Amino acid sequence: MIPIVMCGQEGLFEKLRNPQARPLMSRILDGYNLRSLTQDECFGYIEHHLKTIGGRSSEIFDKPALIAVSQVSAGIPRNINSVCLLALQHGMEQGLQTISAEVIRKVTRNWWE
């Protein structure tokens, strides 16, 4: 038997509870549902990642930008990472010292289309 790890968003467990998914669900030994992060947890998550690389969020992202990241990402860590990476790339290309909420709006403008 080969162990397989399944990852998905919050709706994954509901889909697995569908009667058509019963054969798959019967083979799942354990599960863990990672909930979305709160705004404060999102700030801490970003701060932790930036400290790991030698920075601080207060030096790179202003407070409105952190709020915008939390809102647009819906607190999903994978989305937080994507938004921050896009914002940092944009900031580097534009020679910005600080990432603002406007930068977050700019790099995520097409997410909802």
PDB file of N, CA and C in Angstrom:
ATOM      1  N   MET A   1       0.837  -1.164   0.000  1.00  0.00           N
ATOM      2  CA  MET A   1       0.000   0.000   0.000  1.00  0.00           C
ATOM      3  C   MET A   1       0.894   1.244   0.000  1.00  0.00           C
ATOM      4  N   ILE A   2       0.572   2.194  -0.837  1.00  0.00           N
ATOM      5  CA  ILE A   2       1.315   3.448  -0.936  1.00  0.00           C
ATOM      6  C   ILE A   2       0.493   4.543  -0.261  1.00  0.00           C
ATOM      7  N   PRO A   3       1.079   5.227   0.721  1.00  0.00           N
ATOM      8  CA  PRO A   3       0.331   6.320   1.353  1.00  0.00           C
ATOM      9  C   PRO A   3       0.224   7.515   0.408  1.00  0.00           C
ATOM     10  N   ILE A   4      -0.929   8.123   0.377  1.00  0.00           N
ATOM     11  CA  ILE A   4      -1.175   9.290  -0.463  1.00  0.00           C
ATOM     12  C   ILE A   4      -1.727  10.396   0.428  1.00  0.00           C
ATOM     13  N   VAL A   5      -1.219  11.592   0.241  1.00  0.00           N
ATOM     14  CA  VAL A   5      -1.702  12.749   0.974  1.00  0.00           C
ATOM     15  C   VAL A   5      -2.559  13.568   0.017  1.00  0.00           C
ATOM     16  N   MET A   6      -3.778  13.859   0.444  1.00  0.00           N
ATOM     17  CA  MET A   6      -4.685  14.672  -0.370  1.00  0.00           C
ATOM     18  C   MET A   6      -4.795  16.044   0.262  1.00  0.00           C
ATOM     19  N   CYS A   7      -4.657  17.063  -0.549  1.00  0.00           N
ATOM     20  CA  CYS A   7      -4.779  18.429  -0.073  1.00  0.00           C
ATOM     21  C   CYS A   7      -5.832  19.133  -0.902  1.00  0.00           C
ATOM     22  N   GLY A   8      -6.596  19.964  -0.258  1.00  0.00           N
ATOM     23  CA  GLY A   8      -7.606  20.712  -0.989  1.00  0.00           C
ATOM     24  C   GLY A   8      -8.169  21.814  -0.129  1.00  0.00           C
ATOM     25  N   GLN A   9      -9.042  22.588  -0.715  1.00  0.00           N
ATOM     26  CA  GLN A   9      -9.673  23.669   0.026  1.00  0.00           C
ATOM     27  C   GLN A   9     -10.815  23.116   0.865  1.00  0.00           C
ATOM     28  N   GLU A  10     -11.492  24.011   1.575  1.00  0.00           N
ATOM     29  CA  GLU A  10     -12.496  23.615   2.554  1.00  0.00           C
ATOM     30  C   GLU A  10     -13.573  22.701   1.979  1.00  0.00           C
ATOM     31  N   GLY A  11     -13.906  22.810   0.714  1.00  0.00           N
ATOM     32  CA  GLY A  11     -14.970  22.016   0.121  1.00  0.00           C
ATOM     33  C   GLY A  11     -14.604  20.576  -0.175  1.00  0.00           C
ATOM     34  N   LEU A  12     -13.336  20.205   0.004  1.00  0.00           N
ATOM     35  CA  LEU A  12     -12.891  18.852  -0.329  1.00  0.00           C
ATOM     36  C   LEU A  12     -13.629  17.790   0.483  1.00  0.00           C
ATOM     37  N   PHE A  13     -13.761  18.003   1.798  1.00  0.00           N
ATOM     38  CA  PHE A  13     -14.412  16.997   2.626  1.00  0.00           C
ATOM     39  C   PHE A  13     -15.882  16.813   2.243  1.00  0.00           C
ATOM     40  N   GLU A  14     -16.554  17.903   1.871  1.00  0.00           N
ATOM     41  CA  GLU A  14     -17.948  17.780   1.451  1.00  0.00           C
ATOM     42  C   GLU A  14     -18.051  16.942   0.175  1.00  0.00           C
ATOM     43  N   LYS A  15     -17.113  17.142  -0.743  1.00  0.00           N
ATOM     44  CA  LYS A  15     -17.122  16.368  -1.982  1.00  0.00           C
ATOM     45  C   LYS A  15     -16.826  14.894  -1.719  1.00  0.00           C
ATOM     46  N   LEU A  16     -15.958  14.629  -0.755  1.00  0.00           N
ATOM     47  CA  LEU A  16     -15.633  13.240  -0.426  1.00  0.00           C
ATOM     48  C   LEU A  16     -16.785  12.527   0.289  1.00  0.00           C
ATOM     49  N   ARG A  17     -17.686  13.300   0.872  1.00  0.00           N
ATOM     50  CA  ARG A  17     -18.847  12.695   1.543  1.00  0.00           C
ATOM     51  C   ARG A  17     -19.950  12.318   0.550  1.00  0.00           C
ATOM     52  N   ASN A  18     -19.810  12.691  -0.697  1.00  0.00           N
ATOM     53  CA  ASN A  18     -20.764  12.345  -1.736  1.00  0.00           C
ATOM     54  C   ASN A  18     -20.794  10.818  -1.879  1.00  0.00           C
ATOM     55  N   PRO A  19     -21.973  10.225  -2.033  1.00  0.00           N
ATOM     56  CA  PRO A  19     -22.047   8.755  -2.159  1.00  0.00           C
ATOM     57  C   PRO A  19     -21.175   8.185  -3.281  1.00  0.00           C
ATOM     58  N   GLN A  20     -20.960   8.933  -4.331  1.00  0.00           N
ATOM     59  CA  GLN A  20     -20.119   8.446  -5.426  1.00  0.00           C
ATOM     60  C   GLN A  20     -18.654   8.341  -5.025  1.00  0.00           C
ATOM     61  N   ALA A  21     -18.256   9.071  -3.977  1.00  0.00           N
ATOM     62  CA  ALA A  21     -16.866   9.042  -3.514  1.00  0.00           C
ATOM     63  C   ALA A  21     -16.669   8.066  -2.365  1.00  0.00           C
ATOM     64  N   ARG A  22     -17.698   7.305  -2.013  1.00  0.00           N
ATOM     65  CA  ARG A  22     -17.618   6.378  -0.879  1.00  0.00           C
ATOM     66  C   ARG A  22     -16.449   5.391  -0.983  1.00  0.00           C
ATOM     67  N   PRO A  23     -16.180   4.797  -2.168  1.00  0.00           N
ATOM     68  CA  PRO A  23     -15.034   3.871  -2.241  1.00  0.00           C
ATOM     69  C   PRO A  23     -13.706   4.543  -1.873  1.00  0.00           C
ATOM     70  N   LEU A  24     -13.518   5.768  -2.308  1.00  0.00           N
ATOM     71  CA  LEU A  24     -12.295   6.489  -1.968  1.00  0.00           C
ATOM     72  C   LEU A  24     -12.281   6.845  -0.485  1.00  0.00           C
ATOM     73  N   MET A  25     -13.399   7.343   0.007  1.00  0.00           N
ATOM     74  CA  MET A  25     -13.476   7.762   1.403  1.00  0.00           C
ATOM     75  C   MET A  25     -13.233   6.586   2.359  1.00  0.00           C
ATOM     76  N   SER A  26     -13.630   5.389   1.964  1.00  0.00           N
ATOM     77  CA  SER A  26     -13.440   4.231   2.833  1.00  0.00           C
ATOM     78  C   SER A  26     -11.968   3.864   2.998  1.00  0.00           C
ATOM     79  N   ARG A  27     -11.112   4.374   2.127  1.00  0.00           N
ATOM     80  CA  ARG A  27      -9.684   4.065   2.197  1.00  0.00           C
ATOM     81  C   ARG A  27      -8.869   5.153   2.904  1.00  0.00           C
ATOM     82  N   ILE A  28      -9.536   6.222   3.264  1.00  0.00           N
ATOM     83  CA  ILE A  28      -8.851   7.320   3.949  1.00  0.00           C
ATOM     84  C   ILE A  28      -8.793   6.989   5.433  1.00  0.00           C
ATOM     85  N   LEU A  29      -7.596   6.939   5.972  1.00  0.00           N
ATOM     86  CA  LEU A  29      -7.399   6.544   7.362  1.00  0.00           C
ATOM     87  C   LEU A  29      -7.587   7.698   8.329  1.00  0.00           C
ATOM     88  N   ASP A  30      -7.173   8.870   7.939  1.00  0.00           N
ATOM     89  CA  ASP A  30      -7.222  10.008   8.838  1.00  0.00           C
ATOM     90  C   ASP A  30      -7.378  11.262   8.003  1.00  0.00           C
ATOM     91  N   GLY A  31      -7.853  12.294   8.610  1.00  0.00           N
ATOM     92  CA  GLY A  31      -8.023  13.537   7.878  1.00  0.00           C
ATOM     93  C   GLY A  31      -7.784  14.734   8.772  1.00  0.00           C
ATOM     94  N   TYR A  32      -7.409  15.814   8.159  1.00  0.00           N
ATOM     95  CA  TYR A  32      -7.214  17.062   8.871  1.00  0.00           C
ATOM     96  C   TYR A  32      -7.677  18.174   7.963  1.00  0.00           C
ATOM     97  N   ASN A  33      -8.525  19.016   8.484  1.00  0.00           N
ATOM     98  CA  ASN A  33      -9.060  20.122   7.703  1.00  0.00           C
ATOM     99  C   ASN A  33      -8.412  21.413   8.177  1.00  0.00           C
ATOM    100  N   LEU A  34      -7.586  22.002   7.353  1.00  0.00           N
ATOM    101  CA  LEU A  34      -6.919  23.257   7.686  1.00  0.00           C
ATOM    102  C   LEU A  34      -7.883  24.401   7.408  1.00  0.00           C
ATOM    103  N   ARG A  35      -8.279  25.091   8.444  1.00  0.00           N
ATOM    104  CA  ARG A  35      -9.215  26.203   8.277  1.00  0.00           C
ATOM    105  C   ARG A  35      -8.475  27.442   7.781  1.00  0.00           C
ATOM    106  N   SER A  36      -9.235  28.387   7.287  1.00  0.00           N
ATOM    107  CA  SER A  36      -8.646  29.653   6.845  1.00  0.00           C
ATOM    108  C   SER A  36      -8.078  30.396   8.049  1.00  0.00           C
ATOM    109  N   LEU A  37      -7.024  31.143   7.821  1.00  0.00           N
ATOM    110  CA  LEU A  37      -6.402  31.916   8.897  1.00  0.00           C
ATOM    111  C   LEU A  37      -7.188  33.197   9.152  1.00  0.00           C
ATOM    112  N   THR A  38      -7.238  33.603  10.412  1.00  0.00           N
ATOM    113  CA  THR A  38      -7.837  34.891  10.749  1.00  0.00           C
ATOM    114  C   THR A  38      -6.890  35.991  10.271  1.00  0.00           C
ATOM    115  N   GLN A  39      -7.360  37.224  10.343  1.00  0.00           N
ATOM    116  CA  GLN A  39      -6.509  38.335   9.904  1.00  0.00           C
ATOM    117  C   GLN A  39      -5.217  38.405  10.723  1.00  0.00           C
ATOM    118  N   ASP A  40      -5.315  38.274  12.038  1.00  0.00           N
ATOM    119  CA  ASP A  40      -4.114  38.314  12.882  1.00  0.00           C
ATOM    120  C   ASP A  40      -3.186  37.136  12.591  1.00  0.00           C
ATOM    121  N   GLU A  41      -3.761  35.950  12.362  1.00  0.00           N
ATOM    122  CA  GLU A  41      -2.949  34.786  12.014  1.00  0.00           C
ATOM    123  C   GLU A  41      -2.264  34.989  10.666  1.00  0.00           C
ATOM    124  N   CYS A  42      -2.960  35.621   9.740  1.00  0.00           N
ATOM    125  CA  CYS A  42      -2.377  35.923   8.425  1.00  0.00           C
ATOM    126  C   CYS A  42      -1.173  36.852   8.587  1.00  0.00           C
ATOM    127  N   PHE A  43      -1.327  37.892   9.418  1.00  0.00           N
ATOM    128  CA  PHE A  43      -0.203  38.805   9.672  1.00  0.00           C
ATOM    129  C   PHE A  43       0.983  38.042  10.255  1.00  0.00           C
ATOM    130  N   GLY A  44       0.708  37.168  11.218  1.00  0.00           N
ATOM    131  CA  GLY A  44       1.773  36.377  11.843  1.00  0.00           C
ATOM    132  C   GLY A  44       2.427  35.432  10.855  1.00  0.00           C
ATOM    133  N   TYR A  45       1.616  34.846   9.974  1.00  0.00           N
ATOM    134  CA  TYR A  45       2.123  33.932   8.946  1.00  0.00           C
ATOM    135  C   TYR A  45       3.093  34.660   8.013  1.00  0.00           C
ATOM    136  N   ILE A  46       2.711  35.853   7.571  1.00  0.00           N
ATOM    137  CA  ILE A  46       3.580  36.645   6.692  1.00  0.00           C
ATOM    138  C   ILE A  46       4.838  37.068   7.444  1.00  0.00           C
ATOM    139  N   GLU A  47       4.655  37.531   8.678  1.00  0.00           N
ATOM    140  CA  GLU A  47       5.802  37.954   9.503  1.00  0.00           C
ATOM    141  C   GLU A  47       6.799  36.806   9.674  1.00  0.00           C
ATOM    142  N   HIS A  48       6.289  35.618   9.958  1.00  0.00           N
ATOM    143  CA  HIS A  48       7.155  34.451  10.145  1.00  0.00           C
ATOM    144  C   HIS A  48       7.968  34.161   8.881  1.00  0.00           C
ATOM    145  N   HIS A  49       7.317  34.164   7.733  1.00  0.00           N
ATOM    146  CA  HIS A  49       8.025  33.867   6.489  1.00  0.00           C
ATOM    147  C   HIS A  49       9.078  34.940   6.186  1.00  0.00           C
ATOM    148  N   LEU A  50       8.740  36.188   6.438  1.00  0.00           N
ATOM    149  CA  LEU A  50       9.708  37.253   6.174  1.00  0.00           C
ATOM    150  C   LEU A  50      10.870  37.219   7.160  1.00  0.00           C
ATOM    151  N   LYS A  51      10.607  36.890   8.420  1.00  0.00           N
ATOM    152  CA  LYS A  51      11.699  36.755   9.400  1.00  0.00           C
ATOM    153  C   LYS A  51      12.640  35.628   8.997  1.00  0.00           C
ATOM    154  N   THR A  52      12.063  34.554   8.450  1.00  0.00           N
ATOM    155  CA  THR A  52      12.862  33.403   8.032  1.00  0.00           C
ATOM    156  C   THR A  52      13.886  33.800   6.977  1.00  0.00           C
ATOM    157  N   ILE A  53      13.534  34.754   6.127  1.00  0.00           N
ATOM    158  CA  ILE A  53      14.468  35.195   5.077  1.00  0.00           C
ATOM    159  C   ILE A  53      15.230  36.451   5.473  1.00  0.00           C
ATOM    160  N   GLY A  54      15.057  36.886   6.727  1.00  0.00           N
ATOM    161  CA  GLY A  54      15.862  37.991   7.224  1.00  0.00           C
ATOM    162  C   GLY A  54      15.197  39.348   7.165  1.00  0.00           C
ATOM    163  N   GLY A  55      13.901  39.414   7.010  1.00  0.00           N
ATOM    164  CA  GLY A  55      13.208  40.700   6.961  1.00  0.00           C
ATOM    165  C   GLY A  55      12.121  40.778   8.003  1.00  0.00           C
ATOM    166  N   ARG A  56      11.368  41.864   7.958  1.00  0.00           N
ATOM    167  CA  ARG A  56      10.200  42.033   8.829  1.00  0.00           C
ATOM    168  C   ARG A  56       9.076  42.601   7.977  1.00  0.00           C
ATOM    169  N   SER A  57       7.851  42.156   8.242  1.00  0.00           N
ATOM    170  CA  SER A  57       6.732  42.609   7.420  1.00  0.00           C
ATOM    171  C   SER A  57       6.546  44.123   7.518  1.00  0.00           C
ATOM    172  N   SER A  58       6.834  44.707   8.690  1.00  0.00           N
ATOM    173  CA  SER A  58       6.650  46.142   8.854  1.00  0.00           C
ATOM    174  C   SER A  58       7.612  46.944   7.978  1.00  0.00           C
ATOM    175  N   GLU A  59       8.702  46.328   7.557  1.00  0.00           N
ATOM    176  CA  GLU A  59       9.649  47.003   6.667  1.00  0.00           C
ATOM    177  C   GLU A  59       9.253  46.853   5.203  1.00  0.00           C
ATOM    178  N   ILE A  60       8.486  45.821   4.898  1.00  0.00           N
ATOM    179  CA  ILE A  60       8.199  45.494   3.502  1.00  0.00           C
ATOM    180  C   ILE A  60       6.752  45.783   3.131  1.00  0.00           C
ATOM    181  N   PHE A  61       5.803  45.337   3.941  1.00  0.00           N
ATOM    182  CA  PHE A  61       4.378  45.534   3.685  1.00  0.00           C
ATOM    183  C   PHE A  61       3.830  46.550   4.683  1.00  0.00           C
ATOM    184  N   ASP A  62       3.137  47.603   4.207  1.00  0.00           N
ATOM    185  CA  ASP A  62       2.495  48.497   5.168  1.00  0.00           C
ATOM    186  C   ASP A  62       1.220  47.833   5.686  1.00  0.00           C
ATOM    187  N   LYS A  63       0.654  48.363   6.766  1.00  0.00           N
ATOM    188  CA  LYS A  63      -0.498  47.745   7.430  1.00  0.00           C
ATOM    189  C   LYS A  63      -1.685  47.565   6.474  1.00  0.00           C
ATOM    190  N   PRO A  64      -2.064  48.588   5.663  1.00  0.00           N
ATOM    191  CA  PRO A  64      -3.170  48.375   4.721  1.00  0.00           C
ATOM    192  C   PRO A  64      -2.881  47.260   3.713  1.00  0.00           C
ATOM    193  N   ALA A  65      -1.617  47.061   3.352  1.00  0.00           N
ATOM    194  CA  ALA A  65      -1.265  45.972   2.429  1.00  0.00           C
ATOM    195  C   ALA A  65      -1.485  44.621   3.090  1.00  0.00           C
ATOM    196  N   LEU A  66      -1.119  44.502   4.359  1.00  0.00           N
ATOM    197  CA  LEU A  66      -1.336  43.248   5.079  1.00  0.00           C
ATOM    198  C   LEU A  66      -2.830  42.930   5.182  1.00  0.00           C
ATOM    199  N   ILE A  67      -3.628  43.956   5.433  1.00  0.00           N
ATOM    200  CA  ILE A  67      -5.084  43.770   5.499  1.00  0.00           C
ATOM    201  C   ILE A  67      -5.601  43.316   4.142  1.00  0.00           C
ATOM    202  N   ALA A  68      -5.101  43.943   3.069  1.00  0.00           N
ATOM    203  CA  ALA A  68      -5.535  43.577   1.714  1.00  0.00           C
ATOM    204  C   ALA A  68      -5.148  42.135   1.383  1.00  0.00           C
ATOM    205  N   VAL A  69      -3.951  41.717   1.782  1.00  0.00           N
ATOM    206  CA  VAL A  69      -3.520  40.329   1.542  1.00  0.00           C
ATOM    207  C   VAL A  69      -4.460  39.371   2.262  1.00  0.00           C
ATOM    208  N   SER A  70      -4.777  39.668   3.505  1.00  0.00           N
ATOM    209  CA  SER A  70      -5.673  38.814   4.280  1.00  0.00           C
ATOM    210  C   SER A  70      -7.043  38.705   3.610  1.00  0.00           C
ATOM    211  N   GLN A  71      -7.549  39.825   3.125  1.00  0.00           N
ATOM    212  CA  GLN A  71      -8.872  39.829   2.505  1.00  0.00           C
ATOM    213  C   GLN A  71      -8.892  39.094   1.173  1.00  0.00           C
ATOM    214  N   VAL A  72      -7.957  39.404   0.306  1.00  0.00           N
ATOM    215  CA  VAL A  72      -7.983  38.821  -1.044  1.00  0.00           C
ATOM    216  C   VAL A  72      -7.628  37.335  -1.032  1.00  0.00           C
ATOM    217  N   SER A  73      -6.843  36.908  -0.056  1.00  0.00           N
ATOM    218  CA  SER A  73      -6.431  35.502   0.025  1.00  0.00           C
ATOM    219  C   SER A  73      -7.455  34.624   0.733  1.00  0.00           C
ATOM    220  N   ALA A  74      -8.439  35.254   1.383  1.00  0.00           N
ATOM    221  CA  ALA A  74      -9.441  34.543   2.183  1.00  0.00           C
ATOM    222  C   ALA A  74      -8.783  33.720   3.294  1.00  0.00           C
ATOM    223  N   GLY A  75      -7.567  34.091   3.686  1.00  0.00           N
ATOM    224  CA  GLY A  75      -6.879  33.406   4.781  1.00  0.00           C
ATOM    225  C   GLY A  75      -6.320  32.041   4.423  1.00  0.00           C
ATOM    226  N   ILE A  76      -6.299  31.706   3.148  1.00  0.00           N
ATOM    227  CA  ILE A  76      -5.775  30.413   2.705  1.00  0.00           C
ATOM    228  C   ILE A  76      -4.263  30.560   2.493  1.00  0.00           C
ATOM    229  N   PRO A  77      -3.453  29.810   3.255  1.00  0.00           N
ATOM    230  CA  PRO A  77      -2.002  29.997   3.183  1.00  0.00           C
ATOM    231  C   PRO A  77      -1.422  29.954   1.770  1.00  0.00           C
ATOM    232  N   ARG A  78      -1.883  29.059   0.938  1.00  0.00           N
ATOM    233  CA  ARG A  78      -1.376  28.977  -0.442  1.00  0.00           C
ATOM    234  C   ARG A  78      -1.654  30.288  -1.190  1.00  0.00           C
ATOM    235  N   ASN A  79      -2.842  30.864  -0.963  1.00  0.00           N
ATOM    236  CA  ASN A  79      -3.182  32.133  -1.607  1.00  0.00           C
ATOM    237  C   ASN A  79      -2.371  33.288  -1.021  1.00  0.00           C
ATOM    238  N   ILE A  80      -2.142  33.262   0.287  1.00  0.00           N
ATOM    239  CA  ILE A  80      -1.319  34.298   0.922  1.00  0.00           C
ATOM    240  C   ILE A  80       0.063  34.295   0.285  1.00  0.00           C
ATOM    241  N   ASN A  81       0.638  33.110   0.134  1.00  0.00           N
ATOM    242  CA  ASN A  81       1.964  32.994  -0.486  1.00  0.00           C
ATOM    243  C   ASN A  81       1.953  33.568  -1.900  1.00  0.00           C
ATOM    244  N   SER A  82       0.932  33.225  -2.682  1.00  0.00           N
ATOM    245  CA  SER A  82       0.861  33.683  -4.071  1.00  0.00           C
ATOM    246  C   SER A  82       0.742  35.196  -4.151  1.00  0.00           C
ATOM    247  N   VAL A  83      -0.133  35.777  -3.331  1.00  0.00           N
ATOM    248  CA  VAL A  83      -0.333  37.228  -3.343  1.00  0.00           C
ATOM    249  C   VAL A  83       0.957  37.940  -2.951  1.00  0.00           C
ATOM    250  N   CYS A  84       1.595  37.480  -1.884  1.00  0.00           N
ATOM    251  CA  CYS A  84       2.825  38.121  -1.417  1.00  0.00           C
ATOM    252  C   CYS A  84       3.934  38.014  -2.465  1.00  0.00           C
ATOM    253  N   LEU A  85       4.062  36.860  -3.090  1.00  0.00           N
ATOM    254  CA  LEU A  85       5.090  36.692  -4.113  1.00  0.00           C
ATOM    255  C   LEU A  85       4.844  37.629  -5.294  1.00  0.00           C
ATOM    256  N   LEU A  86       3.602  37.709  -5.758  1.00  0.00           N
ATOM    257  CA  LEU A  86       3.275  38.624  -6.858  1.00  0.00           C
ATOM    258  C   LEU A  86       3.561  40.069  -6.472  1.00  0.00           C
ATOM    259  N   ALA A  87       3.205  40.438  -5.238  1.00  0.00           N
ATOM    260  CA  ALA A  87       3.436  41.807  -4.775  1.00  0.00           C
ATOM    261  C   ALA A  87       4.927  42.114  -4.665  1.00  0.00           C
ATOM    262  N   LEU A  88       5.702  41.170  -4.153  1.00  0.00           N
ATOM    263  CA  LEU A  88       7.147  41.382  -4.034  1.00  0.00           C
ATOM    264  C   LEU A  88       7.810  41.477  -5.401  1.00  0.00           C
ATOM    265  N   GLN A  89       7.365  40.663  -6.345  1.00  0.00           N
ATOM    266  CA  GLN A  89       7.905  40.744  -7.708  1.00  0.00           C
ATOM    267  C   GLN A  89       7.585  42.094  -8.326  1.00  0.00           C
ATOM    268  N   HIS A  90       6.340  42.544  -8.165  1.00  0.00           N
ATOM    269  CA  HIS A  90       5.938  43.840  -8.705  1.00  0.00           C
ATOM    270  C   HIS A  90       6.751  44.957  -8.047  1.00  0.00           C
ATOM    271  N   GLY A  91       6.890  44.884  -6.726  1.00  0.00           N
ATOM    272  CA  GLY A  91       7.658  45.896  -6.013  1.00  0.00           C
ATOM    273  C   GLY A  91       9.103  45.951  -6.473  1.00  0.00           C
ATOM    274  N   MET A  92       9.700  44.795  -6.713  1.00  0.00           N
ATOM    275  CA  MET A  92      11.079  44.757  -7.194  1.00  0.00           C
ATOM    276  C   MET A  92      11.174  45.375  -8.592  1.00  0.00           C
ATOM    277  N   GLU A  93      10.246  44.999  -9.472  1.00  0.00           N
ATOM    278  CA  GLU A  93      10.262  45.530 -10.846  1.00  0.00           C
ATOM    279  C   GLU A  93      10.081  47.043 -10.869  1.00  0.00           C
ATOM    280  N   GLN A  94       9.275  47.573  -9.938  1.00  0.00           N
ATOM    281  CA  GLN A  94       8.994  49.007  -9.900  1.00  0.00           C
ATOM    282  C   GLN A  94       9.950  49.784  -8.999  1.00  0.00           C
ATOM    283  N   GLY A  95      10.851  49.077  -8.321  1.00  0.00           N
ATOM    284  CA  GLY A  95      11.803  49.731  -7.426  1.00  0.00           C
ATOM    285  C   GLY A  95      11.161  50.296  -6.170  1.00  0.00           C
ATOM    286  N   LEU A  96      10.111  49.662  -5.690  1.00  0.00           N
ATOM    287  CA  LEU A  96       9.401  50.144  -4.503  1.00  0.00           C
ATOM    288  C   LEU A  96      10.124  49.724  -3.228  1.00  0.00           C
ATOM    289  N   GLN A  97      10.072  50.584  -2.232  1.00  0.00           N
ATOM    290  CA  GLN A  97      10.656  50.269  -0.928  1.00  0.00           C
ATOM    291  C   GLN A  97       9.656  49.557  -0.034  1.00  0.00           C
ATOM    292  N   THR A  98       8.363  49.859  -0.229  1.00  0.00           N
ATOM    293  CA  THR A  98       7.305  49.294   0.601  1.00  0.00           C
ATOM    294  C   THR A  98       6.148  48.850  -0.286  1.00  0.00           C
ATOM    295  N   ILE A  99       5.546  47.734   0.063  1.00  0.00           N
ATOM    296  CA  ILE A  99       4.378  47.232  -0.654  1.00  0.00           C
ATOM    297  C   ILE A  99       3.139  47.844  -0.006  1.00  0.00           C
ATOM    298  N   SER A 100       2.307  48.487  -0.816  1.00  0.00           N
ATOM    299  CA  SER A 100       1.090  49.132  -0.321  1.00  0.00           C
ATOM    300  C   SER A 100      -0.139  48.322  -0.719  1.00  0.00           C
ATOM    301  N   ALA A 101      -1.287  48.719  -0.183  1.00  0.00           N
ATOM    302  CA  ALA A 101      -2.545  48.067  -0.546  1.00  0.00           C
ATOM    303  C   ALA A 101      -2.825  48.237  -2.032  1.00  0.00           C
ATOM    304  N   GLU A 102      -2.402  49.353  -2.599  1.00  0.00           N
ATOM    305  CA  GLU A 102      -2.599  49.574  -4.041  1.00  0.00           C
ATOM    306  C   GLU A 102      -1.843  48.525  -4.862  1.00  0.00           C
ATOM    307  N   VAL A 103      -0.660  48.156  -4.424  1.00  0.00           N
ATOM    308  CA  VAL A 103       0.108  47.112  -5.110  1.00  0.00           C
ATOM    309  C   VAL A 103      -0.641  45.779  -5.019  1.00  0.00           C
ATOM    310  N   ILE A 104      -1.190  45.479  -3.850  1.00  0.00           N
ATOM    311  CA  ILE A 104      -1.944  44.230  -3.684  1.00  0.00           C
ATOM    312  C   ILE A 104      -3.143  44.230  -4.629  1.00  0.00           C
ATOM    313  N   ARG A 105      -3.858  45.343  -4.691  1.00  0.00           N
ATOM    314  CA  ARG A 105      -5.005  45.434  -5.608  1.00  0.00           C
ATOM    315  C   ARG A 105      -4.566  45.267  -7.059  1.00  0.00           C
ATOM    316  N   LYS A 106      -3.440  45.854  -7.390  1.00  0.00           N
ATOM    317  CA  LYS A 106      -2.946  45.785  -8.770  1.00  0.00           C
ATOM    318  C   LYS A 106      -2.580  44.355  -9.170  1.00  0.00           C
ATOM    319  N   VAL A 107      -1.871  43.641  -8.300  1.00  0.00           N
ATOM    320  CA  VAL A 107      -1.405  42.298  -8.675  1.00  0.00           C
ATOM    321  C   VAL A 107      -2.495  41.241  -8.583  1.00  0.00           C
ATOM    322  N   THR A 108      -3.593  41.562  -7.903  1.00  0.00           N
ATOM    323  CA  THR A 108      -4.692  40.588  -7.800  1.00  0.00           C
ATOM    324  C   THR A 108      -5.919  41.034  -8.581  1.00  0.00           C
ATOM    325  N   ARG A 109      -5.787  42.041  -9.386  1.00  0.00           N
ATOM    326  CA  ARG A 109      -6.918  42.599 -10.140  1.00  0.00           C
ATOM    327  C   ARG A 109      -7.649  41.555 -10.966  1.00  0.00           C
ATOM    328  N   ASN A 110      -6.914  40.639 -11.591  1.00  0.00           N
ATOM    329  CA  ASN A 110      -7.526  39.653 -12.497  1.00  0.00           C
ATOM    330  C   ASN A 110      -7.927  38.359 -11.802  1.00  0.00           C
ATOM    331  N   TRP A 111      -7.759  38.248 -10.505  1.00  0.00           N
ATOM    332  CA  TRP A 111      -8.081  37.015  -9.791  1.00  0.00           C
ATOM    333  C   TRP A 111      -9.560  36.666  -9.875  1.00  0.00           C
ATOM    334  N   TRP A 112     -10.427  37.671  -9.940  1.00  0.00           N
ATOM    335  CA  TRP A 112     -11.862  37.409  -9.844  1.00  0.00           C
ATOM    336  C   TRP A 112     -12.569  37.454 -11.186  1.00  0.00           C
ATOM    337  N   GLU A 113     -11.827  37.532 -12.263  1.00  0.00           N
ATOM    338  CA  GLU A 113     -12.448  37.586 -13.594  1.00  0.00           C
ATOM    339  C   GLU A 113     -12.663  36.205 -14.152  1.00  0.00           C
TER     340      GLU A 113
END
